[in-house]
């Protein structure tokens, strides 16, 4: 192919330009028209060619951009597919897009240039529309093609923070909490931006009920243990037998999400999924803290002590004992941690975009898992566990 188009929810022209410049930093990169036109030149021994990037935003050309987005929405809306959930999320994502980058090459885009474009997608959390009529995710996998086929099992919708947080009413408690979080960031030399919005304040926040949190904690403990057993090389039969005994002990048959049940019931070991579920020990730590079992959430610079957090579950003979022994923290405590992790996660994402290590010693993988758990606790967008977003 000689052309394709990047679509992203970011509103920052500078962020888009920097992502392109970074990926082609060994080539001649020229920026024109305040960043809206970029030319990358590839020089060969006796010839040269260029790839041209043309940027359009919802603000720079509102009517033309709106017409283009309506056309894209209509195109994917009419495609019949068995992946209905993926399609619905894609259509929602299209509504949140704020910029597109048309890419035109003088010659066929080779594998090296294509991989650089995919790297740009990753940095911008963007989509790529290709001439075949398919739209790809930030990893280069097909979200949906013209035949309704998909290469992804799920898709997470992203949007700029001002869109996602415009439903949050700014209150005194929310502003004061934001100021306290920023002071902590300053003390730890972690970057921040003043215009990152507040989260919901005490006046309007809803925290999940203690029993719901306790059930989710048990489910996470069991699924993470099962996933860790598989990841360590144990057989499905052995791992599932142990899991079954734990489910019976805590009467947890109904505690799992649809995605978790699919993982448990699969007869094929998926190494990637096993690792993903094993990481949810970090989410479990947050829920145990919310339930009063863990005294404090330490600075997220390292993975949690598995033996310690699993110990809180093992000490309970059954679910009822685990629930009765818990003591749900106050609303303001949970909101304090939710606001702080939101700003930690922004700093990690910002560093990743700039191809830098996470600042202040933060472990970005620990941060995003805690962010997920805290967003679930504060009912962010009223999303259930499988759908919780960690927007920054």
Protein backbone atom coordinates (compact mmCIF):
# COMPACT_ATOMS: atom_id res chain seq x y z
CA UNK A 1 0.00 0.00 0.00
CA UNK A 2 1.04 3.60 -0.58
CA UNK A 3 -1.41 5.29 1.76
CA UNK A 4 -3.25 4.83 5.03
CA UNK A 5 -4.70 7.03 7.77
CA UNK A 6 -4.06 7.28 11.50
CA UNK A 7 -6.96 8.23 13.78
CA UNK A 8 -6.45 9.27 17.39
CA UNK A 9 -8.44 10.73 20.29
CA UNK A 10 -5.59 13.04 21.29
CA UNK A 11 -6.14 16.76 20.67
CA UNK A 12 -2.47 17.68 20.89
CA UNK A 13 -0.89 18.48 17.53
CA UNK A 14 2.50 18.64 19.22
CA UNK A 15 2.07 15.15 20.67
CA UNK A 16 1.29 13.75 17.21
CA UNK A 17 4.24 15.58 15.62
CA UNK A 18 6.64 14.38 18.31
CA UNK A 19 5.51 10.78 17.89
CA UNK A 20 6.20 10.94 14.13
CA UNK A 21 9.55 12.69 14.59
CA UNK A 22 10.64 10.13 17.17
CA UNK A 23 9.85 7.13 15.00
CA UNK A 24 11.68 8.60 12.00
CA UNK A 25 14.52 10.25 13.92
CA UNK A 26 17.13 8.63 11.66
CA UNK A 27 15.55 10.20 8.57
CA UNK A 28 15.20 13.76 7.33
CA UNK A 29 12.01 15.09 8.94
CA UNK A 30 10.58 18.44 7.87
CA UNK A 31 7.64 20.07 9.64
CA UNK A 32 5.47 22.66 7.88
CA UNK A 33 2.30 24.64 8.53
CA UNK A 34 2.61 24.59 12.33
CA UNK A 35 2.82 20.81 12.41
CA UNK A 36 -0.08 20.06 10.10
CA UNK A 37 2.26 18.90 7.31
CA UNK A 38 5.28 16.62 7.82
CA UNK A 39 7.60 15.18 5.21
CA UNK A 40 9.93 12.27 5.95
CA UNK A 41 12.64 11.76 3.33
CA UNK A 42 14.43 8.45 2.78
CA UNK A 43 17.75 8.86 1.01
CA UNK A 44 19.19 5.99 -1.01
CA UNK A 45 22.52 5.82 -2.82
CA UNK A 46 21.21 7.16 -6.12
CA UNK A 47 17.64 8.14 -5.25
CA UNK A 48 15.29 9.29 -2.53
CA UNK A 49 11.59 9.14 -1.73
CA UNK A 50 9.24 10.65 0.81
CA UNK A 51 6.36 9.77 3.08
CA UNK A 52 4.05 12.71 3.69
CA UNK A 53 1.88 13.13 6.78
CA UNK A 54 -1.10 15.50 6.64
CA UNK A 55 -2.80 16.30 9.93
CA UNK A 56 -6.42 17.35 10.38
CA UNK A 57 -8.20 17.91 13.69
CA UNK A 58 -11.78 18.42 14.78
CA UNK A 59 -10.81 21.99 15.60
CA UNK A 60 -8.73 22.89 12.54
CA UNK A 61 -11.30 21.82 9.91
CA UNK A 62 -14.46 21.11 11.86
CA UNK A 63 -16.95 20.64 8.99
CA UNK A 64 -14.69 18.48 6.83
CA UNK A 65 -13.58 16.45 9.82
CA UNK A 66 -17.14 15.89 11.02
CA UNK A 67 -18.22 14.74 7.55
CA UNK A 68 -15.30 12.30 7.42
CA UNK A 69 -16.12 10.86 10.86
CA UNK A 70 -19.78 10.48 9.92
CA UNK A 71 -18.71 8.60 6.80
CA UNK A 72 -16.45 6.29 8.80
CA UNK A 73 -19.17 5.65 11.37
CA UNK A 74 -21.67 4.81 8.64
CA UNK A 75 -19.20 2.51 6.87
CA UNK A 76 -18.55 0.34 9.93
CA UNK A 77 -22.15 0.57 11.18
CA UNK A 78 -23.48 -1.24 8.11
CA UNK A 79 -20.99 -4.15 8.30
CA UNK A 80 -22.66 -7.36 9.60
CA UNK A 81 -20.45 -9.23 12.06
CA UNK A 82 -20.47 -11.92 14.71
CA UNK A 83 -18.17 -9.67 16.76
CA UNK A 84 -20.98 -7.34 17.79
CA UNK A 85 -19.37 -6.19 21.05
CA UNK A 86 -16.16 -5.24 19.23
CA UNK A 87 -18.16 -3.37 16.60
CA UNK A 88 -20.12 -1.41 19.22
CA UNK A 89 -16.91 -0.38 20.96
CA UNK A 90 -15.34 0.63 17.66
CA UNK A 91 -18.35 2.81 16.85
CA UNK A 92 -18.08 4.43 20.28
CA UNK A 93 -14.36 4.99 19.69
CA UNK A 94 -15.05 6.73 16.38
CA UNK A 95 -17.22 9.25 18.25
CA UNK A 96 -14.25 10.07 20.52
CA UNK A 97 -11.66 10.61 17.76
CA UNK A 98 -10.23 14.13 17.53
CA UNK A 99 -7.54 13.99 14.84
CA UNK A 100 -6.47 12.10 11.76
CA UNK A 101 -3.17 11.86 9.94
CA UNK A 102 -3.29 11.04 6.25
CA UNK A 103 -0.16 9.16 5.15
CA UNK A 104 0.90 9.10 1.50
CA UNK A 105 4.14 7.52 0.29
CA UNK A 106 5.92 8.01 -3.03
CA UNK A 107 6.37 4.25 -3.22
CA UNK A 108 4.99 1.14 -1.53
CA UNK A 109 5.32 1.35 2.24
CA UNK A 110 7.89 -1.30 3.16
CA UNK A 111 7.93 -3.43 6.31
CA UNK A 112 10.31 -1.10 8.14
CA UNK A 113 8.17 1.99 7.51
CA UNK A 114 4.99 0.08 8.34
CA UNK A 115 6.42 -0.99 11.69
CA UNK A 116 7.35 2.61 12.44
CA UNK A 117 3.76 3.63 11.70
CA UNK A 118 2.49 0.92 14.07
CA UNK A 119 4.87 2.26 16.73
CA UNK A 120 3.26 5.68 16.27
CA UNK A 121 -0.14 4.05 16.83
CA UNK A 122 1.10 2.64 20.12
CA UNK A 123 2.42 6.00 21.28
CA UNK A 124 -0.83 7.79 20.44
CA UNK A 125 -3.17 4.94 21.38
CA UNK A 126 -4.44 5.33 17.82
CA UNK A 127 -6.17 3.41 15.03
CA UNK A 128 -5.02 2.80 11.45
CA UNK A 129 -7.40 2.66 8.48
CA UNK A 130 -5.89 0.83 5.50
CA UNK A 131 -6.97 0.69 1.81
CA UNK A 132 -8.50 -2.78 2.17
CA UNK A 133 -11.22 -1.24 4.36
CA UNK A 134 -9.90 -2.68 7.63
CA UNK A 135 -9.23 -0.68 10.76
CA UNK A 136 -6.35 -1.76 13.00
CA UNK A 137 -5.65 -1.24 16.69
CA UNK A 138 -2.49 0.22 18.20
CA UNK A 139 -0.75 -3.16 17.85
CA UNK A 140 -1.56 -3.47 14.14
CA UNK A 141 -4.29 -6.09 14.68
CA UNK A 142 -7.55 -5.91 12.77
CA UNK A 143 -10.39 -4.60 14.93
CA UNK A 144 -12.91 -5.01 12.13
CA UNK A 145 -12.58 -5.56 8.39
CA UNK A 146 -15.04 -5.14 5.52
CA UNK A 147 -16.22 -8.73 5.98
CA UNK A 148 -16.93 -8.31 9.68
CA UNK A 149 -13.91 -10.33 10.78
CA UNK A 150 -11.71 -9.36 13.73
CA UNK A 151 -8.33 -10.38 15.14
CA UNK A 152 -8.93 -9.01 18.64
CA UNK A 153 -10.80 -10.52 21.56
CA UNK A 154 -11.68 -7.17 23.07
CA UNK A 155 -11.20 -3.48 22.51
CA UNK A 156 -10.91 -0.69 25.09
CA UNK A 157 -12.36 2.68 24.10
CA UNK A 158 -10.14 5.69 24.81
CA UNK A 159 -10.84 9.40 24.69
CA UNK A 160 -9.25 12.70 25.61
CA UNK A 161 -9.58 13.46 29.31
CA UNK A 162 -11.77 16.54 28.79
CA UNK A 163 -14.38 14.41 27.02
CA UNK A 164 -14.21 11.58 29.52
CA UNK A 165 -14.32 13.83 32.55
CA UNK A 166 -16.80 16.48 31.45
CA UNK A 167 -19.47 14.51 33.32
CA UNK A 168 -17.57 15.15 36.57
CA UNK A 169 -18.78 18.23 38.36
CA UNK A 170 -15.92 20.23 39.86
CA UNK A 171 -16.44 20.54 43.60
CA UNK A 172 -14.44 21.95 46.49
CA UNK A 173 -13.46 18.48 47.77
CA UNK A 174 -12.35 17.40 44.29
CA UNK A 175 -10.20 20.51 43.77
CA UNK A 176 -8.62 20.21 47.21
CA UNK A 177 -7.87 16.53 46.59
CA UNK A 178 -6.23 17.37 43.26
CA UNK A 179 -4.02 19.98 44.99
CA UNK A 180 -2.92 17.46 47.63
CA UNK A 181 -2.07 14.91 44.94
CA UNK A 182 -0.01 17.45 43.01
CA UNK A 183 1.94 18.33 46.13
CA UNK A 184 2.81 14.64 46.55
CA UNK A 185 3.87 14.45 42.91
CA UNK A 186 6.10 17.49 43.38
CA UNK A 187 7.73 15.99 46.46
CA UNK A 188 8.59 12.85 44.47
CA UNK A 189 9.77 14.72 41.35
CA UNK A 190 7.02 13.15 39.25
CA UNK A 191 5.74 15.22 36.30
CA UNK A 192 2.17 16.49 36.30
CA UNK A 193 -0.08 18.86 34.37
CA UNK A 194 -2.34 21.39 36.05
CA UNK A 195 -5.14 20.93 33.51
CA UNK A 196 -5.59 17.19 34.13
CA UNK A 197 -9.20 17.21 35.43
CA UNK A 198 -10.41 16.38 38.89
CA UNK A 199 -12.08 13.07 39.66
CA UNK A 200 -15.52 12.89 41.23
CA UNK A 201 -15.74 14.65 44.60
CA UNK A 202 -17.02 13.38 47.93
CA UNK A 203 -20.35 15.09 47.29
CA UNK A 204 -21.22 12.91 44.28
CA UNK A 205 -19.00 9.83 44.55
CA UNK A 206 -20.45 6.35 44.94
CA UNK A 207 -18.23 3.63 46.38
CA UNK A 208 -19.13 -0.01 45.78
CA UNK A 209 -20.71 -1.96 48.62
CA UNK A 210 -18.51 -3.98 50.96
CA UNK A 211 -19.96 -7.34 49.95
CA UNK A 212 -19.47 -6.65 46.24
CA UNK A 213 -15.84 -5.68 46.89
CA UNK A 214 -15.28 -8.78 49.00
CA UNK A 215 -16.66 -11.06 46.27
CA UNK A 216 -14.45 -9.38 43.66
CA UNK A 217 -11.43 -9.78 45.95
CA UNK A 218 -12.04 -13.51 46.34
CA UNK A 219 -12.53 -13.88 42.58
CA UNK A 220 -9.27 -12.04 41.86
CA UNK A 221 -7.36 -14.12 44.39
CA UNK A 222 -8.63 -17.36 42.86
CA UNK A 223 -8.23 -16.39 39.19
CA UNK A 224 -4.76 -14.92 39.76
CA UNK A 225 -3.65 -18.04 41.63
CA UNK A 226 -4.96 -20.25 38.83
CA UNK A 227 -3.26 -18.08 36.18
CA UNK A 228 0.03 -18.05 38.08
CA UNK A 229 -0.06 -21.86 38.35
CA UNK A 230 -0.55 -22.16 34.59
CA UNK A 231 2.15 -19.58 33.88
CA UNK A 232 4.58 -21.52 36.06
CA UNK A 233 4.11 -24.67 33.97
CA UNK A 234 1.52 -26.64 35.95
CA UNK A 235 -1.01 -28.62 33.95
CA UNK A 236 -4.58 -27.45 33.41
CA UNK A 237 -5.87 -30.53 35.24
CA UNK A 238 -3.78 -29.93 38.36
CA UNK A 239 -4.40 -26.18 38.39
CA UNK A 240 -8.13 -26.53 37.78
CA UNK A 241 -8.50 -29.14 40.51
CA UNK A 242 -6.94 -26.76 43.05
CA UNK A 243 -9.08 -23.88 41.78
CA UNK A 244 -12.22 -25.99 42.13
CA UNK A 245 -11.41 -26.70 45.78
CA UNK A 246 -11.00 -22.97 46.45
CA UNK A 247 -14.24 -22.12 44.68
CA UNK A 248 -16.08 -24.63 46.88
CA UNK A 249 -14.38 -23.33 50.02
CA UNK A 250 -15.47 -19.73 49.41
CA UNK A 251 -18.75 -20.62 47.65
CA UNK A 252 -17.48 -18.46 44.77
CA UNK A 253 -19.21 -20.01 41.77
CA UNK A 254 -21.04 -16.77 40.95
CA UNK A 255 -18.18 -14.36 41.67
CA UNK A 256 -16.43 -14.51 38.28
CA UNK A 257 -16.88 -12.30 35.22
CA UNK A 258 -17.64 -13.62 31.75
CA UNK A 259 -14.04 -13.10 30.67
CA UNK A 260 -12.74 -14.93 33.74
CA UNK A 261 -15.06 -17.87 33.18
CA UNK A 262 -13.89 -18.18 29.58
CA UNK A 263 -10.30 -18.38 30.85
CA UNK A 264 -11.14 -20.93 33.53
CA UNK A 265 -13.12 -23.15 31.17
CA UNK A 266 -10.64 -23.08 28.29
CA UNK A 267 -8.79 -26.35 27.69
CA UNK A 268 -5.94 -24.51 26.00
CA UNK A 269 -3.23 -22.76 28.01
CA UNK A 270 -2.92 -19.20 26.74
CA UNK A 271 0.39 -17.96 28.11
CA UNK A 272 -0.39 -14.29 27.42
CA UNK A 273 -3.74 -14.44 29.20
CA UNK A 274 -2.21 -16.38 32.09
CA UNK A 275 0.30 -13.59 32.63
CA UNK A 276 -2.40 -10.91 32.33
CA UNK A 277 -4.60 -12.57 34.95
CA UNK A 278 -1.64 -13.22 37.24
CA UNK A 279 -0.95 -9.48 37.24
CA UNK A 280 -4.33 -8.95 38.89
CA UNK A 281 -2.69 -9.69 42.21
CA UNK A 282 -1.97 -5.94 42.08
CA UNK A 283 -5.69 -5.22 41.79
CA UNK A 284 -6.33 -7.60 44.66
CA UNK A 285 -3.93 -5.60 46.84
CA UNK A 286 -6.05 -2.49 46.29
CA UNK A 287 -9.30 -4.27 47.17
CA UNK A 288 -7.76 -5.76 50.31
CA UNK A 289 -6.65 -2.27 51.29
CA UNK A 290 -10.18 -0.94 50.69
CA UNK A 291 -11.54 -3.73 52.89
CA UNK A 292 -9.14 -2.80 55.68
CA UNK A 293 -6.91 -5.87 55.50
CA UNK A 294 -3.89 -4.02 54.12
CA UNK A 295 -2.84 -1.03 56.26
CA UNK A 296 -1.66 1.26 53.47
CA UNK A 297 -0.97 1.34 49.76
CA UNK A 298 2.76 1.76 49.40
CA UNK A 299 4.32 3.83 46.64
CA UNK A 300 3.76 1.78 43.44
CA UNK A 301 7.39 1.14 42.52
CA UNK A 302 7.41 -2.66 42.84
CA UNK A 303 5.10 -5.65 42.65
CA UNK A 304 3.24 -6.64 45.79
CA UNK A 305 4.21 -9.34 48.27
CA UNK A 306 2.11 -12.26 47.04
CA UNK A 307 2.50 -14.38 50.18
CA UNK A 308 1.24 -11.50 52.32
CA UNK A 309 -1.86 -10.66 50.33
CA UNK A 310 -2.84 -14.28 49.70
CA UNK A 311 -2.42 -14.84 53.42
CA UNK A 312 -5.40 -12.58 54.12
CA UNK A 313 -7.55 -14.83 51.94
CA UNK A 314 -6.17 -18.10 53.31
CA UNK A 315 -6.80 -16.99 56.89
CA UNK A 316 -10.55 -16.99 56.26
CA UNK A 317 -12.25 -20.37 56.42
CA UNK A 318 -15.02 -19.25 54.08
CA UNK A 319 -16.45 -16.19 52.39
CA UNK A 320 -18.67 -15.21 55.31
CA UNK A 321 -15.68 -15.07 57.66
CA UNK A 322 -13.69 -13.02 55.12
CA UNK A 323 -16.59 -10.56 54.75
CA UNK A 324 -17.28 -10.18 58.47
CA UNK A 325 -13.61 -9.56 59.23
CA UNK A 326 -13.38 -6.73 56.69
CA UNK A 327 -13.82 -3.05 57.46
CA UNK A 328 -14.54 -0.84 54.44
CA UNK A 329 -12.50 2.36 54.35
CA UNK A 330 -14.05 5.80 54.31
CA UNK A 331 -15.09 7.32 50.99
CA UNK A 332 -12.51 10.11 51.17
CA UNK A 333 -9.64 7.63 51.69
CA UNK A 334 -10.55 5.68 48.55
CA UNK A 335 -11.01 8.89 46.53
CA UNK A 336 -7.61 10.18 47.69
CA UNK A 337 -5.90 7.07 46.32
CA UNK A 338 -7.99 7.13 43.12
CA UNK A 339 -6.98 10.71 42.36
CA UNK A 340 -3.31 10.09 43.10
CA UNK A 341 -3.07 6.93 40.96
CA UNK A 342 -4.83 8.78 38.13
CA UNK A 343 -2.00 11.33 38.12
CA UNK A 344 0.70 8.68 38.54
CA UNK A 345 -0.73 6.89 35.50
CA UNK A 346 -0.72 10.10 33.45
CA UNK A 347 2.98 10.54 34.27
CA UNK A 348 3.69 6.96 33.17
CA UNK A 349 1.77 7.37 29.91
CA UNK A 350 3.51 10.67 29.22
CA UNK A 351 6.91 9.02 29.76
CA UNK A 352 5.98 6.11 27.50
CA UNK A 353 4.96 8.49 24.71
CA UNK A 354 8.35 10.17 25.01
CA UNK A 355 10.11 6.79 25.10
CA UNK A 356 11.38 7.47 28.62
CA UNK A 357 11.34 5.26 31.74
CA UNK A 358 8.51 5.76 34.19
CA UNK A 359 9.37 8.75 36.41
CA UNK A 360 10.22 8.73 40.09
CA UNK A 361 10.81 4.99 40.18
CA UNK A 362 7.16 4.19 39.38
CA UNK A 363 6.41 0.74 38.01
CA UNK A 364 3.99 1.54 35.18
CA UNK A 365 2.49 -1.96 35.15
CA UNK A 366 1.74 -1.82 38.87
CA UNK A 367 0.30 1.68 38.44
CA UNK A 368 -2.16 0.71 35.70
CA UNK A 369 -3.44 -2.33 37.66
CA UNK A 370 -4.03 -0.20 40.75
CA UNK A 371 -5.69 2.43 38.58
CA UNK A 372 -8.11 -0.18 37.25
CA UNK A 373 -9.03 -1.40 40.72
CA UNK A 374 -9.53 2.10 42.13
CA UNK A 375 -11.63 3.19 39.15
CA UNK A 376 -13.82 0.14 39.71
CA UNK A 377 -14.15 1.00 43.41
CA UNK A 378 -15.36 4.53 42.66
CA UNK A 379 -17.75 3.30 39.94
CA UNK A 380 -15.95 5.15 37.15
CA UNK A 381 -18.47 5.42 34.30
CA UNK A 382 -20.42 2.68 36.15
CA UNK A 383 -18.32 0.09 34.33
CA UNK A 384 -18.16 -3.53 35.41
CA UNK A 385 -14.83 -5.24 35.99
CA UNK A 386 -14.18 -6.51 32.47
CA UNK A 387 -14.81 -3.06 31.00
CA UNK A 388 -13.08 -0.73 33.48
CA UNK A 389 -11.02 1.95 31.74
CA UNK A 390 -7.89 3.66 33.03
CA UNK A 391 -8.16 6.91 31.12
CA UNK A 392 -5.51 9.58 31.52
